[in-house]
N, C-alpha and C. Protein backbone atom coordinates (compact mmCIF):
# COMPACT_ATOMS: atom_id res chain seq x y z
N MET A 1 29.63 -1.40 0.73
CA MET A 1 29.83 0.02 0.99
C MET A 1 30.04 0.75 -0.32
N THR A 2 29.88 2.06 -0.31
CA THR A 2 30.09 2.86 -1.51
C THR A 2 31.58 3.02 -1.78
N TYR A 3 31.92 3.49 -2.99
CA TYR A 3 33.33 3.66 -3.33
C TYR A 3 33.98 4.73 -2.44
N LYS A 4 33.22 5.74 -2.06
CA LYS A 4 33.77 6.79 -1.20
C LYS A 4 34.14 6.22 0.17
N LYS A 5 33.27 5.36 0.71
CA LYS A 5 33.56 4.74 2.00
C LYS A 5 34.76 3.81 1.87
N ALA A 6 34.85 3.08 0.76
CA ALA A 6 35.98 2.17 0.54
C ALA A 6 37.29 2.94 0.45
N LEU A 7 37.27 4.07 -0.25
CA LEU A 7 38.47 4.90 -0.36
C LEU A 7 38.90 5.43 1.01
N GLU A 8 37.90 5.79 1.83
CA GLU A 8 38.19 6.31 3.17
C GLU A 8 38.83 5.24 4.05
N VAL A 9 38.29 4.02 3.99
CA VAL A 9 38.82 2.93 4.81
C VAL A 9 40.22 2.52 4.36
N LEU A 10 40.41 2.42 3.04
CA LEU A 10 41.68 1.94 2.49
C LEU A 10 42.76 3.03 2.43
N GLY A 11 42.33 4.28 2.29
CA GLY A 11 43.29 5.37 2.15
C GLY A 11 44.05 5.32 0.85
N VAL A 12 43.35 4.89 -0.24
CA VAL A 12 44.00 4.79 -1.55
C VAL A 12 43.23 5.64 -2.56
N SER A 13 43.78 5.73 -3.76
CA SER A 13 43.12 6.47 -4.83
C SER A 13 42.06 5.60 -5.50
N TYR A 14 41.21 6.23 -6.29
CA TYR A 14 40.16 5.49 -6.98
C TYR A 14 40.75 4.49 -7.98
N SER A 15 41.84 4.87 -8.65
CA SER A 15 42.47 3.97 -9.61
C SER A 15 43.02 2.73 -8.92
N THR A 16 43.57 2.90 -7.70
CA THR A 16 44.05 1.75 -6.95
C THR A 16 42.90 0.86 -6.53
N LEU A 17 41.79 1.47 -6.14
CA LEU A 17 40.60 0.71 -5.77
C LEU A 17 40.14 -0.15 -6.95
N LYS A 18 40.15 0.41 -8.14
CA LYS A 18 39.73 -0.35 -9.33
C LYS A 18 40.69 -1.49 -9.60
N ARG A 19 41.99 -1.29 -9.33
CA ARG A 19 42.96 -2.37 -9.52
C ARG A 19 42.69 -3.52 -8.54
N TYR A 20 42.33 -3.17 -7.30
CA TYR A 20 41.99 -4.19 -6.32
C TYR A 20 40.80 -5.03 -6.81
N VAL A 21 39.81 -4.35 -7.37
CA VAL A 21 38.63 -5.04 -7.88
C VAL A 21 39.01 -5.95 -9.05
N LYS A 22 39.83 -5.43 -9.96
CA LYS A 22 40.24 -6.19 -11.14
C LYS A 22 41.03 -7.43 -10.76
N ARG A 23 41.84 -7.33 -9.69
CA ARG A 23 42.65 -8.46 -9.23
C ARG A 23 41.84 -9.44 -8.38
N GLY A 24 40.60 -9.11 -8.12
CA GLY A 24 39.74 -10.00 -7.34
C GLY A 24 39.90 -9.88 -5.85
N LEU A 25 40.58 -8.82 -5.40
CA LEU A 25 40.78 -8.63 -3.96
C LEU A 25 39.53 -8.08 -3.29
N ILE A 26 38.74 -7.35 -4.06
CA ILE A 26 37.48 -6.80 -3.54
C ILE A 26 36.36 -7.19 -4.50
N ARG A 27 35.37 -7.85 -3.97
CA ARG A 27 34.20 -8.20 -4.78
C ARG A 27 33.20 -7.04 -4.80
N THR A 28 32.48 -6.94 -5.88
CA THR A 28 31.46 -5.89 -6.00
C THR A 28 30.16 -6.49 -6.54
N TYR A 29 29.08 -5.77 -6.32
CA TYR A 29 27.80 -6.07 -6.95
C TYR A 29 27.05 -4.75 -7.10
N LYS A 30 25.98 -4.77 -7.85
CA LYS A 30 25.20 -3.55 -8.10
C LYS A 30 24.16 -3.38 -7.00
N TYR A 31 24.09 -2.17 -6.46
CA TYR A 31 23.07 -1.87 -5.45
C TYR A 31 21.68 -2.11 -6.03
N GLN A 32 20.77 -2.61 -5.20
CA GLN A 32 19.38 -2.80 -5.58
C GLN A 32 18.45 -1.77 -4.93
N MET A 33 18.98 -0.98 -3.97
CA MET A 33 18.15 0.02 -3.32
C MET A 33 17.74 1.08 -4.34
N PRO A 34 16.49 1.56 -4.27
CA PRO A 34 15.98 2.49 -5.28
C PRO A 34 16.86 3.70 -5.54
N HIS A 35 17.38 4.35 -4.49
CA HIS A 35 18.12 5.59 -4.69
C HIS A 35 19.57 5.36 -5.10
N MET A 36 20.02 4.08 -5.14
CA MET A 36 21.40 3.79 -5.52
C MET A 36 21.50 2.69 -6.57
N ARG A 37 20.38 2.32 -7.15
CA ARG A 37 20.35 1.19 -8.09
C ARG A 37 21.32 1.40 -9.24
N GLY A 38 22.11 0.34 -9.51
CA GLY A 38 23.06 0.38 -10.63
C GLY A 38 24.47 0.77 -10.22
N LYS A 39 24.63 1.35 -9.03
CA LYS A 39 25.97 1.76 -8.59
C LYS A 39 26.68 0.58 -7.93
N ASN A 40 28.01 0.60 -7.97
CA ASN A 40 28.78 -0.49 -7.38
C ASN A 40 28.76 -0.46 -5.85
N ASN A 41 28.58 -1.62 -5.27
CA ASN A 41 28.70 -1.79 -3.82
C ASN A 41 29.92 -2.67 -3.59
N TYR A 42 30.86 -2.19 -2.82
CA TYR A 42 32.10 -2.92 -2.55
C TYR A 42 31.93 -3.72 -1.26
N TRP A 43 32.25 -5.00 -1.32
CA TRP A 43 32.03 -5.89 -0.19
C TRP A 43 32.77 -5.39 1.04
N ASP A 44 32.04 -5.19 2.10
CA ASP A 44 32.63 -4.67 3.34
C ASP A 44 33.74 -5.58 3.87
N GLU A 45 33.47 -6.91 3.88
CA GLU A 45 34.45 -7.86 4.41
C GLU A 45 35.77 -7.76 3.67
N ASP A 46 35.72 -7.64 2.34
CA ASP A 46 36.94 -7.59 1.53
C ASP A 46 37.72 -6.31 1.79
N VAL A 47 37.00 -5.20 1.88
CA VAL A 47 37.67 -3.91 2.09
C VAL A 47 38.38 -3.90 3.44
N TYR A 48 37.67 -4.31 4.50
CA TYR A 48 38.28 -4.30 5.83
C TYR A 48 39.40 -5.33 5.96
N ALA A 49 39.28 -6.46 5.23
CA ALA A 49 40.33 -7.48 5.28
C ALA A 49 41.66 -6.94 4.75
N LEU A 50 41.59 -6.03 3.78
CA LEU A 50 42.82 -5.48 3.20
C LEU A 50 43.58 -4.59 4.18
N VAL A 51 42.90 -4.09 5.18
CA VAL A 51 43.58 -3.24 6.18
C VAL A 51 43.68 -3.96 7.52
N GLY A 52 43.43 -5.28 7.49
CA GLY A 52 43.60 -6.07 8.70
C GLY A 52 42.57 -5.83 9.77
N ARG A 53 41.36 -5.41 9.36
CA ARG A 53 40.30 -5.15 10.34
C ARG A 53 39.11 -6.06 10.06
N LYS A 54 38.43 -6.44 11.12
CA LYS A 54 37.22 -7.24 10.98
C LYS A 54 36.02 -6.32 10.87
N TRP A 55 35.21 -6.59 9.89
CA TRP A 55 34.03 -5.75 9.67
C TRP A 55 32.94 -6.10 10.69
N VAL A 56 32.40 -5.07 11.34
CA VAL A 56 31.31 -5.25 12.29
C VAL A 56 30.09 -4.50 11.78
N GLU A 57 29.03 -5.22 11.52
CA GLU A 57 27.80 -4.62 11.01
C GLU A 57 27.05 -3.93 12.15
N GLU A 58 26.79 -2.65 11.98
CA GLU A 58 26.09 -1.89 13.00
C GLU A 58 24.59 -1.88 12.77
N ASN A 59 24.17 -1.99 11.53
CA ASN A 59 22.75 -1.99 11.19
C ASN A 59 22.41 -3.28 10.47
N TRP A 60 21.25 -3.84 10.84
CA TRP A 60 20.88 -5.14 10.28
C TRP A 60 20.39 -5.01 8.85
N ILE A 61 20.66 -6.06 8.07
CA ILE A 61 20.00 -6.28 6.79
C ILE A 61 19.14 -7.51 7.00
N VAL A 62 17.85 -7.37 6.85
CA VAL A 62 16.93 -8.44 7.22
C VAL A 62 16.02 -8.80 6.06
N GLY A 63 15.43 -9.98 6.18
CA GLY A 63 14.43 -10.42 5.21
C GLY A 63 13.10 -10.64 5.91
N TYR A 64 12.03 -10.57 5.13
CA TYR A 64 10.70 -10.87 5.67
C TYR A 64 10.00 -11.81 4.71
N VAL A 65 9.50 -12.93 5.24
CA VAL A 65 8.78 -13.90 4.41
C VAL A 65 7.43 -14.16 5.05
N ARG A 66 6.46 -14.49 4.21
CA ARG A 66 5.10 -14.75 4.72
C ARG A 66 4.40 -15.75 3.83
N VAL A 67 3.62 -16.63 4.43
CA VAL A 67 2.70 -17.49 3.71
C VAL A 67 1.33 -17.33 4.37
N ALA A 68 0.31 -17.84 3.67
CA ALA A 68 -1.05 -17.58 4.14
C ALA A 68 -1.49 -18.45 5.30
N GLY A 69 -0.93 -19.67 5.41
CA GLY A 69 -1.45 -20.56 6.45
C GLY A 69 -0.44 -21.59 6.91
N HIS A 70 -0.97 -22.75 7.33
CA HIS A 70 -0.13 -23.77 7.96
C HIS A 70 -0.19 -25.11 7.23
N THR A 71 -0.62 -25.12 5.98
CA THR A 71 -0.67 -26.36 5.23
C THR A 71 0.73 -26.79 4.81
N ARG A 72 0.83 -28.01 4.31
CA ARG A 72 2.13 -28.51 3.84
C ARG A 72 2.62 -27.64 2.68
N ARG A 73 1.70 -27.26 1.81
CA ARG A 73 2.07 -26.40 0.69
C ARG A 73 2.61 -25.06 1.17
N ASP A 74 1.96 -24.49 2.20
CA ASP A 74 2.42 -23.23 2.77
C ASP A 74 3.83 -23.38 3.34
N SER A 75 4.07 -24.48 4.04
CA SER A 75 5.39 -24.70 4.65
C SER A 75 6.46 -24.84 3.58
N GLU A 76 6.14 -25.54 2.50
CA GLU A 76 7.10 -25.69 1.41
C GLU A 76 7.41 -24.35 0.76
N LYS A 77 6.38 -23.52 0.61
CA LYS A 77 6.57 -22.19 0.02
C LYS A 77 7.40 -21.30 0.96
N MET A 78 7.20 -21.44 2.27
CA MET A 78 7.99 -20.68 3.23
C MET A 78 9.48 -21.02 3.08
N GLN A 79 9.80 -22.32 3.03
CA GLN A 79 11.18 -22.74 2.87
C GLN A 79 11.75 -22.26 1.55
N GLU A 80 10.95 -22.31 0.51
CA GLU A 80 11.38 -21.86 -0.81
C GLU A 80 11.69 -20.36 -0.80
N GLN A 81 10.83 -19.58 -0.17
CA GLN A 81 11.07 -18.13 -0.06
C GLN A 81 12.41 -17.84 0.60
N LYS A 82 12.66 -18.53 1.72
CA LYS A 82 13.90 -18.28 2.46
C LYS A 82 15.13 -18.69 1.66
N GLU A 83 15.03 -19.83 0.97
CA GLU A 83 16.18 -20.30 0.19
C GLU A 83 16.47 -19.37 -0.98
N ILE A 84 15.44 -18.95 -1.69
CA ILE A 84 15.62 -18.02 -2.81
C ILE A 84 16.19 -16.70 -2.32
N MET A 85 15.72 -16.24 -1.17
CA MET A 85 16.21 -14.98 -0.61
C MET A 85 17.68 -15.08 -0.25
N ARG A 86 18.07 -16.19 0.37
CA ARG A 86 19.48 -16.36 0.75
C ARG A 86 20.37 -16.40 -0.50
N GLN A 87 19.93 -17.11 -1.52
CA GLN A 87 20.70 -17.19 -2.76
C GLN A 87 20.81 -15.82 -3.43
N TYR A 88 19.71 -15.11 -3.46
CA TYR A 88 19.68 -13.76 -4.05
C TYR A 88 20.67 -12.85 -3.34
N CYS A 89 20.66 -12.89 -2.02
CA CYS A 89 21.55 -12.02 -1.25
C CYS A 89 23.01 -12.44 -1.37
N THR A 90 23.26 -13.74 -1.38
CA THR A 90 24.64 -14.22 -1.49
C THR A 90 25.27 -13.79 -2.80
N ARG A 91 24.50 -13.87 -3.89
CA ARG A 91 25.02 -13.46 -5.20
C ARG A 91 25.38 -11.99 -5.24
N ARG A 92 24.78 -11.20 -4.35
CA ARG A 92 25.02 -9.75 -4.34
C ARG A 92 25.87 -9.31 -3.17
N GLY A 93 26.44 -10.25 -2.48
CA GLY A 93 27.31 -9.91 -1.36
C GLY A 93 26.59 -9.38 -0.15
N ILE A 94 25.30 -9.70 -0.04
CA ILE A 94 24.50 -9.25 1.09
C ILE A 94 24.44 -10.36 2.13
N SER A 95 24.76 -10.03 3.37
CA SER A 95 24.68 -10.99 4.46
C SER A 95 23.46 -10.67 5.31
N LEU A 96 22.49 -11.58 5.30
CA LEU A 96 21.28 -11.36 6.08
C LEU A 96 21.53 -11.63 7.56
N ASP A 97 21.15 -10.68 8.39
CA ASP A 97 21.31 -10.85 9.83
C ASP A 97 20.20 -11.70 10.43
N ARG A 98 19.01 -11.60 9.85
CA ARG A 98 17.89 -12.41 10.32
C ARG A 98 16.77 -12.37 9.30
N ILE A 99 15.87 -13.35 9.41
CA ILE A 99 14.68 -13.41 8.56
C ILE A 99 13.46 -13.52 9.46
N TYR A 100 12.50 -12.63 9.28
CA TYR A 100 11.25 -12.65 10.04
C TYR A 100 10.24 -13.49 9.26
N GLU A 101 9.52 -14.37 9.97
CA GLU A 101 8.58 -15.27 9.32
C GLU A 101 7.18 -15.12 9.91
N ASP A 102 6.19 -15.03 9.03
CA ASP A 102 4.79 -14.97 9.47
C ASP A 102 3.95 -15.96 8.68
N ARG A 103 2.88 -16.42 9.32
CA ARG A 103 1.88 -17.25 8.66
C ARG A 103 0.53 -16.59 8.87
N GLY A 104 0.03 -15.94 7.84
CA GLY A 104 -1.24 -15.23 7.94
C GLY A 104 -1.47 -14.43 6.67
N PRO A 105 -2.69 -14.00 6.44
CA PRO A 105 -3.01 -13.24 5.22
C PRO A 105 -2.34 -11.87 5.18
N GLY A 106 -2.10 -11.40 3.97
CA GLY A 106 -1.47 -10.09 3.78
C GLY A 106 -2.38 -8.93 4.08
N THR A 107 -3.63 -9.21 4.43
CA THR A 107 -4.57 -8.16 4.80
C THR A 107 -4.74 -8.07 6.32
N ASP A 108 -4.03 -8.92 7.03
CA ASP A 108 -4.11 -8.94 8.50
C ASP A 108 -2.87 -8.27 9.06
N PHE A 109 -3.05 -7.19 9.82
CA PHE A 109 -1.92 -6.46 10.40
C PHE A 109 -1.94 -6.50 11.92
N SER A 110 -2.73 -7.40 12.48
CA SER A 110 -2.82 -7.51 13.93
C SER A 110 -1.57 -8.20 14.47
N GLU A 111 -1.27 -7.92 15.73
CA GLU A 111 -0.09 -8.53 16.35
C GLU A 111 -0.28 -10.03 16.53
N SER A 112 -1.50 -10.45 16.80
CA SER A 112 -1.76 -11.88 16.96
C SER A 112 -1.70 -12.60 15.62
N GLY A 113 -2.12 -11.93 14.56
CA GLY A 113 -2.12 -12.55 13.25
C GLY A 113 -0.75 -12.59 12.59
N ARG A 114 0.05 -11.51 12.78
CA ARG A 114 1.37 -11.45 12.16
C ARG A 114 2.38 -10.87 13.16
N PRO A 115 2.74 -11.65 14.17
CA PRO A 115 3.65 -11.15 15.21
C PRO A 115 5.03 -10.77 14.68
N ALA A 116 5.53 -11.48 13.69
CA ALA A 116 6.87 -11.17 13.16
C ALA A 116 6.89 -9.81 12.48
N LEU A 117 5.79 -9.43 11.84
CA LEU A 117 5.71 -8.12 11.21
C LEU A 117 5.83 -7.02 12.26
N HIS A 118 5.19 -7.23 13.41
CA HIS A 118 5.26 -6.26 14.50
C HIS A 118 6.68 -6.17 15.06
N ARG A 119 7.34 -7.32 15.20
CA ARG A 119 8.73 -7.29 15.68
C ARG A 119 9.63 -6.57 14.68
N LEU A 120 9.39 -6.83 13.40
CA LEU A 120 10.18 -6.18 12.35
C LEU A 120 10.06 -4.67 12.43
N PHE A 121 8.85 -4.17 12.56
CA PHE A 121 8.67 -2.72 12.57
C PHE A 121 9.11 -2.09 13.88
N GLN A 122 9.08 -2.82 14.94
CA GLN A 122 9.67 -2.31 16.19
C GLN A 122 11.18 -2.12 16.00
N ASP A 123 11.81 -3.08 15.34
CA ASP A 123 13.25 -2.98 15.09
C ASP A 123 13.56 -1.85 14.12
N ILE A 124 12.70 -1.65 13.12
CA ILE A 124 12.90 -0.54 12.17
C ILE A 124 12.76 0.80 12.88
N LEU A 125 11.72 0.92 13.70
CA LEU A 125 11.48 2.18 14.41
C LEU A 125 12.58 2.49 15.42
N HIS A 126 13.26 1.46 15.92
CA HIS A 126 14.36 1.66 16.86
C HIS A 126 15.69 1.86 16.13
N GLY A 127 15.65 1.94 14.80
CA GLY A 127 16.86 2.23 14.03
C GLY A 127 17.82 1.06 13.89
N ARG A 128 17.34 -0.15 14.11
CA ARG A 128 18.23 -1.31 14.04
C ARG A 128 18.38 -1.86 12.62
N VAL A 129 17.43 -1.54 11.73
CA VAL A 129 17.40 -2.16 10.40
C VAL A 129 17.84 -1.16 9.34
N GLN A 130 18.86 -1.55 8.58
CA GLN A 130 19.37 -0.72 7.50
C GLN A 130 18.63 -0.99 6.20
N ALA A 131 18.31 -2.27 5.94
CA ALA A 131 17.64 -2.63 4.69
C ALA A 131 16.75 -3.84 4.91
N LEU A 132 15.64 -3.86 4.19
CA LEU A 132 14.67 -4.95 4.26
C LEU A 132 14.56 -5.60 2.88
N VAL A 133 14.68 -6.93 2.85
CA VAL A 133 14.57 -7.68 1.60
C VAL A 133 13.28 -8.49 1.63
N ILE A 134 12.48 -8.38 0.57
CA ILE A 134 11.25 -9.16 0.44
C ILE A 134 11.18 -9.75 -0.96
N ASP A 135 10.39 -10.81 -1.09
CA ASP A 135 10.22 -11.43 -2.41
C ASP A 135 9.42 -10.51 -3.32
N ASN A 136 8.26 -10.06 -2.85
CA ASN A 136 7.42 -9.14 -3.61
C ASN A 136 6.55 -8.37 -2.63
N TRP A 137 5.85 -7.36 -3.14
CA TRP A 137 5.07 -6.48 -2.26
C TRP A 137 4.04 -7.24 -1.45
N SER A 138 3.47 -8.29 -2.05
CA SER A 138 2.39 -8.99 -1.36
C SER A 138 2.82 -9.64 -0.06
N ARG A 139 4.14 -9.84 0.14
CA ARG A 139 4.59 -10.42 1.41
C ARG A 139 4.33 -9.45 2.56
N LEU A 140 4.47 -8.16 2.31
CA LEU A 140 4.22 -7.16 3.34
C LEU A 140 2.74 -6.83 3.44
N SER A 141 2.13 -6.54 2.29
CA SER A 141 0.77 -6.01 2.34
C SER A 141 0.09 -6.14 0.98
N ARG A 142 -1.22 -6.23 1.02
CA ARG A 142 -2.02 -6.20 -0.21
C ARG A 142 -2.43 -4.77 -0.57
N VAL A 143 -2.29 -3.86 0.36
CA VAL A 143 -2.81 -2.51 0.15
C VAL A 143 -1.76 -1.46 0.53
N ALA A 144 -1.96 -0.26 0.00
CA ALA A 144 -1.21 0.94 0.39
C ALA A 144 0.32 0.79 0.34
N PRO A 145 0.90 0.39 -0.81
CA PRO A 145 2.36 0.30 -0.88
C PRO A 145 3.06 1.63 -0.64
N GLU A 146 2.40 2.74 -1.05
CA GLU A 146 3.01 4.05 -0.84
C GLU A 146 3.22 4.35 0.64
N LEU A 147 2.29 3.92 1.47
CA LEU A 147 2.40 4.13 2.91
C LEU A 147 3.59 3.37 3.47
N TRP A 148 3.78 2.14 3.01
CA TRP A 148 4.92 1.34 3.47
C TRP A 148 6.23 1.98 3.04
N TYR A 149 6.26 2.48 1.80
CA TYR A 149 7.46 3.17 1.32
C TYR A 149 7.80 4.34 2.25
N LEU A 150 6.79 5.12 2.62
CA LEU A 150 7.03 6.28 3.48
C LEU A 150 7.54 5.85 4.86
N LEU A 151 6.93 4.81 5.42
CA LEU A 151 7.36 4.32 6.73
C LEU A 151 8.84 3.92 6.71
N LEU A 152 9.22 3.21 5.66
CA LEU A 152 10.61 2.77 5.56
C LEU A 152 11.54 3.95 5.28
N ARG A 153 11.11 4.81 4.39
CA ARG A 153 11.94 5.96 4.03
C ARG A 153 12.19 6.88 5.22
N PHE A 154 11.15 7.19 5.97
CA PHE A 154 11.29 8.10 7.11
C PHE A 154 12.13 7.49 8.22
N ASN A 155 12.25 6.15 8.23
CA ASN A 155 13.06 5.49 9.23
C ASN A 155 14.40 5.02 8.66
N LYS A 156 14.75 5.57 7.48
CA LYS A 156 16.06 5.34 6.85
C LYS A 156 16.34 3.85 6.64
N CYS A 157 15.31 3.15 6.19
CA CYS A 157 15.44 1.72 5.90
C CYS A 157 15.21 1.50 4.41
N ASP A 158 16.20 0.95 3.73
CA ASP A 158 16.08 0.67 2.31
C ASP A 158 15.24 -0.58 2.09
N LEU A 159 14.58 -0.63 0.94
CA LEU A 159 13.74 -1.78 0.60
C LEU A 159 14.25 -2.42 -0.69
N VAL A 160 14.47 -3.73 -0.64
CA VAL A 160 14.89 -4.49 -1.81
C VAL A 160 13.79 -5.49 -2.15
N ILE A 161 13.20 -5.37 -3.34
CA ILE A 161 12.15 -6.28 -3.79
C ILE A 161 12.75 -7.20 -4.85
N MET A 162 12.79 -8.49 -4.58
CA MET A 162 13.42 -9.42 -5.49
C MET A 162 12.62 -9.62 -6.77
N ASN A 163 11.30 -9.70 -6.64
CA ASN A 163 10.44 -9.96 -7.81
C ASN A 163 9.27 -8.98 -7.82
N PRO A 164 9.43 -7.83 -8.49
CA PRO A 164 8.36 -6.82 -8.50
C PRO A 164 7.06 -7.30 -9.14
N VAL A 165 7.14 -8.26 -10.07
CA VAL A 165 5.95 -8.75 -10.77
C VAL A 165 5.45 -10.03 -10.11
N LEU A 166 4.17 -10.11 -9.87
CA LEU A 166 3.56 -11.25 -9.18
C LEU A 166 3.28 -12.35 -10.21
N GLU A 167 4.25 -13.25 -10.40
CA GLU A 167 4.12 -14.30 -11.42
C GLU A 167 3.91 -15.69 -10.83
N ASP A 168 4.28 -15.90 -9.60
CA ASP A 168 4.18 -17.21 -8.98
C ASP A 168 2.72 -17.61 -8.81
N PRO A 169 2.29 -18.79 -9.31
CA PRO A 169 0.90 -19.23 -9.17
C PRO A 169 0.42 -19.26 -7.72
N TYR A 170 1.32 -19.62 -6.79
CA TYR A 170 0.94 -19.64 -5.37
C TYR A 170 0.52 -18.25 -4.92
N TYR A 171 1.33 -17.25 -5.28
CA TYR A 171 1.03 -15.88 -4.87
C TYR A 171 -0.23 -15.36 -5.56
N GLN A 172 -0.44 -15.75 -6.80
CA GLN A 172 -1.63 -15.29 -7.53
C GLN A 172 -2.90 -15.87 -6.91
N GLU A 173 -2.84 -17.15 -6.56
CA GLU A 173 -3.99 -17.78 -5.90
C GLU A 173 -4.25 -17.16 -4.53
N GLU A 174 -3.17 -16.93 -3.80
CA GLU A 174 -3.28 -16.30 -2.48
C GLU A 174 -3.88 -14.90 -2.61
N GLN A 175 -3.44 -14.16 -3.63
CA GLN A 175 -3.95 -12.81 -3.86
C GLN A 175 -5.46 -12.82 -4.09
N SER A 176 -5.94 -13.75 -4.93
CA SER A 176 -7.37 -13.83 -5.23
C SER A 176 -8.18 -14.11 -3.97
N GLU A 177 -7.69 -15.04 -3.14
CA GLU A 177 -8.41 -15.39 -1.92
C GLU A 177 -8.44 -14.23 -0.93
N GLU A 178 -7.30 -13.55 -0.78
CA GLU A 178 -7.23 -12.48 0.21
C GLU A 178 -8.03 -11.25 -0.22
N LEU A 179 -8.00 -10.94 -1.51
CA LEU A 179 -8.79 -9.80 -1.99
C LEU A 179 -10.29 -10.10 -1.92
N ALA A 180 -10.66 -11.34 -2.18
CA ALA A 180 -12.07 -11.73 -2.05
C ALA A 180 -12.52 -11.58 -0.61
N ALA A 181 -11.67 -11.98 0.33
CA ALA A 181 -12.00 -11.84 1.75
C ALA A 181 -12.09 -10.38 2.15
N LEU A 182 -11.22 -9.54 1.57
CA LEU A 182 -11.23 -8.11 1.87
C LEU A 182 -12.51 -7.46 1.36
N ILE A 183 -12.95 -7.85 0.17
CA ILE A 183 -14.19 -7.31 -0.39
C ILE A 183 -15.38 -7.77 0.44
N HIS A 184 -15.34 -9.03 0.87
CA HIS A 184 -16.43 -9.55 1.71
C HIS A 184 -16.50 -8.77 3.02
N ARG A 185 -15.35 -8.51 3.61
CA ARG A 185 -15.30 -7.75 4.87
C ARG A 185 -15.87 -6.35 4.67
N ALA A 186 -15.52 -5.72 3.52
CA ALA A 186 -16.04 -4.38 3.25
C ALA A 186 -17.56 -4.40 3.14
N GLY A 187 -18.10 -5.47 2.56
CA GLY A 187 -19.55 -5.58 2.45
C GLY A 187 -20.20 -5.69 3.81
N LEU A 188 -19.58 -6.45 4.72
CA LEU A 188 -20.12 -6.59 6.07
C LEU A 188 -20.07 -5.27 6.81
N GLU A 189 -18.99 -4.51 6.58
CA GLU A 189 -18.87 -3.20 7.25
C GLU A 189 -19.98 -2.26 6.80
N ARG A 190 -20.29 -2.30 5.51
CA ARG A 190 -21.36 -1.43 5.00
C ARG A 190 -22.72 -1.81 5.58
N LYS A 191 -22.89 -3.10 5.83
CA LYS A 191 -24.17 -3.57 6.38
C LYS A 191 -24.22 -3.45 7.90
N GLY A 192 -23.09 -3.09 8.51
CA GLY A 192 -23.05 -3.00 9.96
C GLY A 192 -23.05 -4.34 10.65
N GLU A 193 -22.63 -5.41 9.91
CA GLU A 193 -22.66 -6.75 10.47
C GLU A 193 -21.30 -7.20 10.98
N LEU A 194 -20.27 -6.37 10.84
CA LEU A 194 -18.93 -6.78 11.25
C LEU A 194 -18.73 -6.54 12.73
N ALA A 195 -18.18 -7.52 13.40
CA ALA A 195 -17.92 -7.39 14.84
C ALA A 195 -16.87 -6.33 15.09
N PRO A 196 -16.88 -5.69 16.24
CA PRO A 196 -15.90 -4.66 16.57
C PRO A 196 -14.48 -5.22 16.52
N VAL A 197 -13.54 -4.37 16.15
CA VAL A 197 -12.14 -4.76 16.06
C VAL A 197 -11.36 -4.11 17.19
N MET A 198 -10.64 -4.93 17.97
CA MET A 198 -9.76 -4.42 19.02
C MET A 198 -10.48 -3.48 19.99
N GLY A 199 -11.72 -3.82 20.35
CA GLY A 199 -12.44 -3.07 21.36
C GLY A 199 -13.03 -1.76 20.88
N THR A 200 -13.12 -1.56 19.54
CA THR A 200 -13.69 -0.33 19.02
C THR A 200 -15.15 -0.20 19.44
N ARG A 201 -15.53 0.99 19.86
CA ARG A 201 -16.92 1.24 20.24
C ARG A 201 -17.55 2.10 19.15
N TYR A 202 -18.55 1.56 18.48
CA TYR A 202 -19.19 2.26 17.38
C TYR A 202 -20.33 3.12 17.90
N PRO A 203 -20.40 4.38 17.51
CA PRO A 203 -21.48 5.26 17.98
C PRO A 203 -22.83 4.85 17.41
N ARG A 204 -23.87 5.06 18.20
CA ARG A 204 -25.21 4.73 17.74
C ARG A 204 -25.70 5.82 16.78
N VAL A 205 -26.31 5.36 15.70
CA VAL A 205 -26.91 6.29 14.75
C VAL A 205 -28.31 6.62 15.23
N ARG A 206 -28.63 7.94 15.29
CA ARG A 206 -29.92 8.36 15.83
C ARG A 206 -31.06 7.70 15.04
N GLY A 207 -31.95 7.12 15.78
CA GLY A 207 -33.11 6.50 15.15
C GLY A 207 -32.89 5.06 14.76
N GLN A 208 -31.65 4.54 14.95
CA GLN A 208 -31.38 3.16 14.56
C GLN A 208 -31.90 2.21 15.63
N GLU A 209 -32.50 1.13 15.18
CA GLU A 209 -33.06 0.16 16.12
C GLU A 209 -32.02 -0.89 16.46
N GLY A 210 -31.97 -1.27 17.72
CA GLY A 210 -31.10 -2.36 18.14
C GLY A 210 -29.66 -1.93 18.28
N PRO A 211 -28.85 -2.80 18.92
CA PRO A 211 -27.45 -2.49 19.17
C PRO A 211 -26.61 -2.55 17.91
N VAL A 212 -25.58 -1.72 17.87
CA VAL A 212 -24.64 -1.73 16.77
C VAL A 212 -23.26 -1.98 17.33
N GLY A 213 -22.63 -3.07 16.93
CA GLY A 213 -21.27 -3.36 17.39
C GLY A 213 -21.23 -3.41 18.91
N ASP A 214 -20.32 -2.60 19.48
CA ASP A 214 -20.14 -2.57 20.92
C ASP A 214 -20.68 -1.26 21.49
N ALA A 215 -21.71 -0.75 20.83
CA ALA A 215 -22.27 0.54 21.25
C ALA A 215 -22.85 0.44 22.64
N ASP A 216 -22.91 1.59 23.30
CA ASP A 216 -23.50 1.62 24.63
C ASP A 216 -24.98 1.26 24.53
N SER A 217 -25.53 0.75 25.60
CA SER A 217 -26.96 0.42 25.61
C SER A 217 -27.78 1.69 25.56
N GLU A 218 -29.02 1.57 25.14
CA GLU A 218 -29.87 2.74 25.02
C GLU A 218 -30.10 3.37 26.38
N GLU A 219 -30.35 4.65 26.35
CA GLU A 219 -30.63 5.37 27.60
C GLU A 219 -31.91 4.83 28.21
N GLN A 220 -31.90 4.68 29.54
CA GLN A 220 -33.08 4.14 30.24
C GLN A 220 -34.06 5.28 30.49
């Protein structure tokens, strides 16, 4: 919590709050959220313990992890992501309420391909999630980070990115494969060879021969 919230709960002065911190009665860490980065966050459990109250979290702090597939290497990377995330949060006094897990490419946003992502955003849209922790941007998406920022911002959900730079060889290899697949898909779309997505009906171009996608049959 912020120092203002801590002062409100404890009913003490700021100097007394600092003495509590110095004596080790209240642990602190630096906020990682963009709009509060660098400011002290006072551990909720410690603050409430001083007034004999149990802290009850009303909004979730969650993590999201993703790997590309179901190989042994993917499974090991999934476990590694979760362990690093837990350690990262523990060092900063963050208690994760849950971790959403997906196995699928970062360019797939379908519910069948990434069901956990859909559950995550349902929870965000329902106001259940206060903050989302991810390893790096590629876990959420390969494209349009600004759009994701807006979605989270408008739903009052903070985003914590543990590693802004994509340095892990696994992620770099995954990135190359997924972007290559995305470029290939774009080429098929330009040629009109891509199958319809989710029942989309493509309009017939006047003068075009043969069926296109799921277009209606020619007039009899």
